[in-house]
Amino acid sequence: MRGGLGSAIAFGVGVGVTAFTGAWPLLALVLLAAVVVAVSLRTTVVGAAFAAVQCWGLYATFLVGVRGDLTVDEHTTWVLALLVQLAALAFLTGAAVRVIVPVTDTAAKPSPVRS
């Protein structure tokens, strides 16, 4: 999927996760990380990066922030680093699967020529 679609899906699901888990920041972090990984497996590098930053913004603003302000401190920068690393690993894994599976799939098919 294109980067814009991946970013939009991550933002929409991230808003839902944030609204659902507002009283439980740790559960929200786990679910937002799952959103980042799931979207990053299927989107472009731009979509993966935006998914990580948007989910971090939701976490740092509505789950850690006291009044809905973006809170940038040691804890939230650690969360940003975690989400960006998860997005990069998931994107690379998805890209490798998209390249390796077609190559190995064609090599595993029997030849149509009968012997």
Protein backbone atom coordinates (compact mmCIF):
# COMPACT_ATOMS: atom_id res chain seq x y z
CA MET A 1 0.00 0.00 0.00
CA ARG A 2 1.16 3.51 -0.62
CA GLY A 3 2.67 5.66 2.11
CA GLY A 4 -0.32 7.97 2.41
CA LEU A 5 -2.74 5.09 2.86
CA GLY A 6 -0.48 3.41 5.41
CA SER A 7 -0.15 6.67 7.31
CA ALA A 8 -3.91 7.23 7.27
CA ILE A 9 -4.66 3.70 8.47
CA ALA A 10 -2.10 4.01 11.28
CA PHE A 11 -3.54 7.35 12.36
CA GLY A 12 -7.13 6.13 12.34
CA VAL A 13 -6.39 2.95 14.25
CA GLY A 14 -4.07 4.89 16.58
CA VAL A 15 -6.85 7.31 17.46
CA GLY A 16 -9.12 4.35 18.21
CA VAL A 17 -6.46 2.73 20.40
CA THR A 18 -5.84 6.01 22.22
CA ALA A 19 -9.54 6.54 22.89
CA PHE A 20 -10.05 2.94 24.01
CA THR A 21 -7.02 2.71 26.31
CA GLY A 22 -6.94 6.24 27.72
CA ALA A 23 -6.66 5.05 31.33
CA TRP A 24 -3.95 2.44 30.61
CA PRO A 25 -0.84 3.99 29.02
CA LEU A 26 1.15 0.73 29.05
CA LEU A 27 -1.57 -1.18 27.21
CA ALA A 28 -1.85 1.74 24.79
CA LEU A 29 1.89 1.61 24.12
CA VAL A 30 1.75 -2.11 23.35
CA LEU A 31 -1.24 -1.68 21.03
CA LEU A 32 0.24 1.37 19.30
CA ALA A 33 3.46 -0.59 18.73
CA ALA A 34 1.37 -3.37 17.18
CA VAL A 35 -0.29 -0.82 14.89
CA VAL A 36 3.10 0.50 13.79
CA VAL A 37 4.40 -3.01 13.08
CA ALA A 38 1.27 -4.12 11.21
CA VAL A 39 1.17 -1.03 9.00
CA SER A 40 4.93 -0.96 8.43
CA LEU A 41 4.93 -4.55 7.16
CA ARG A 42 2.70 -3.53 4.24
CA THR A 43 3.52 0.10 3.40
CA THR A 44 6.40 2.16 2.08
CA VAL A 45 9.24 3.56 4.16
CA VAL A 46 7.48 6.94 4.25
CA GLY A 47 4.25 5.33 5.46
CA ALA A 48 6.16 3.39 8.12
CA ALA A 49 7.91 6.52 9.35
CA PHE A 50 4.68 8.50 9.50
CA ALA A 51 2.93 5.62 11.31
CA ALA A 52 5.63 5.62 13.99
CA VAL A 53 5.62 9.40 14.44
CA GLN A 54 1.83 9.68 14.47
CA CYS A 55 1.40 6.89 17.01
CA TRP A 56 4.10 8.47 19.15
CA GLY A 57 2.33 11.81 18.91
CA LEU A 58 -0.91 10.27 20.08
CA TYR A 59 0.87 8.54 22.95
CA ALA A 60 2.88 11.59 24.02
CA THR A 61 -0.08 13.96 23.74
CA PHE A 62 -3.11 12.13 25.05
CA LEU A 63 -1.75 9.31 27.20
CA VAL A 64 1.22 11.00 28.87
CA GLY A 65 0.36 14.67 28.45
CA VAL A 66 -1.56 16.10 31.38
CA ARG A 67 -3.78 18.53 29.48
CA GLY A 68 -3.48 17.20 25.95
CA ASP A 69 -0.15 18.97 25.39
CA LEU A 70 2.64 17.23 23.52
CA THR A 71 4.98 16.00 26.24
CA VAL A 72 8.60 15.56 25.16
CA ASP A 73 10.72 14.16 27.95
CA GLU A 74 13.03 11.20 28.56
CA HIS A 75 10.17 8.70 28.63
CA THR A 76 8.46 9.85 25.45
CA THR A 77 11.70 10.14 23.47
CA TRP A 78 12.44 6.52 24.46
CA VAL A 79 9.00 5.57 23.14
CA LEU A 80 9.68 7.47 19.89
CA ALA A 81 12.97 5.60 19.43
CA LEU A 82 11.21 2.29 20.08
CA LEU A 83 8.42 2.95 17.58
CA VAL A 84 10.83 4.15 14.88
CA GLN A 85 12.99 1.05 15.32
CA LEU A 86 9.94 -1.23 15.18
CA ALA A 87 8.76 0.54 12.04
CA ALA A 88 12.15 0.15 10.36
CA LEU A 89 12.45 -3.54 11.26
CA ALA A 90 8.90 -4.29 10.17
CA PHE A 91 9.35 -2.39 6.89
CA LEU A 92 12.58 -4.25 6.11
CA THR A 93 10.97 -7.58 6.98
CA GLY A 94 7.97 -6.85 4.77
CA ALA A 95 10.21 -5.73 1.91
CA ALA A 96 12.34 -8.87 2.22
CA VAL A 97 9.27 -11.09 2.16
CA ARG A 98 7.90 -9.27 -0.90
CA VAL A 99 11.21 -9.91 -2.70
CA ILE A 100 12.08 -13.41 -1.48
CA VAL A 101 8.67 -15.09 -1.78
CA PRO A 102 8.23 -14.50 -5.54
CA VAL A 103 11.81 -15.61 -6.21
CA THR A 104 11.53 -18.84 -4.22
CA ASP A 105 7.98 -19.47 -5.38
CA THR A 106 8.98 -19.58 -9.05
CA ALA A 107 11.99 -21.76 -8.30
CA ALA A 108 9.85 -24.29 -6.43
CA LYS A 109 7.33 -24.82 -9.25
CA PRO A 110 7.87 -27.89 -11.40
CA SER A 111 8.74 -27.48 -15.02
CA PRO A 112 5.80 -27.79 -17.42
CA VAL A 113 7.97 -29.93 -19.70
CA ARG A 114 7.41 -33.64 -19.16
CA SER A 115 10.36 -35.95 -19.17
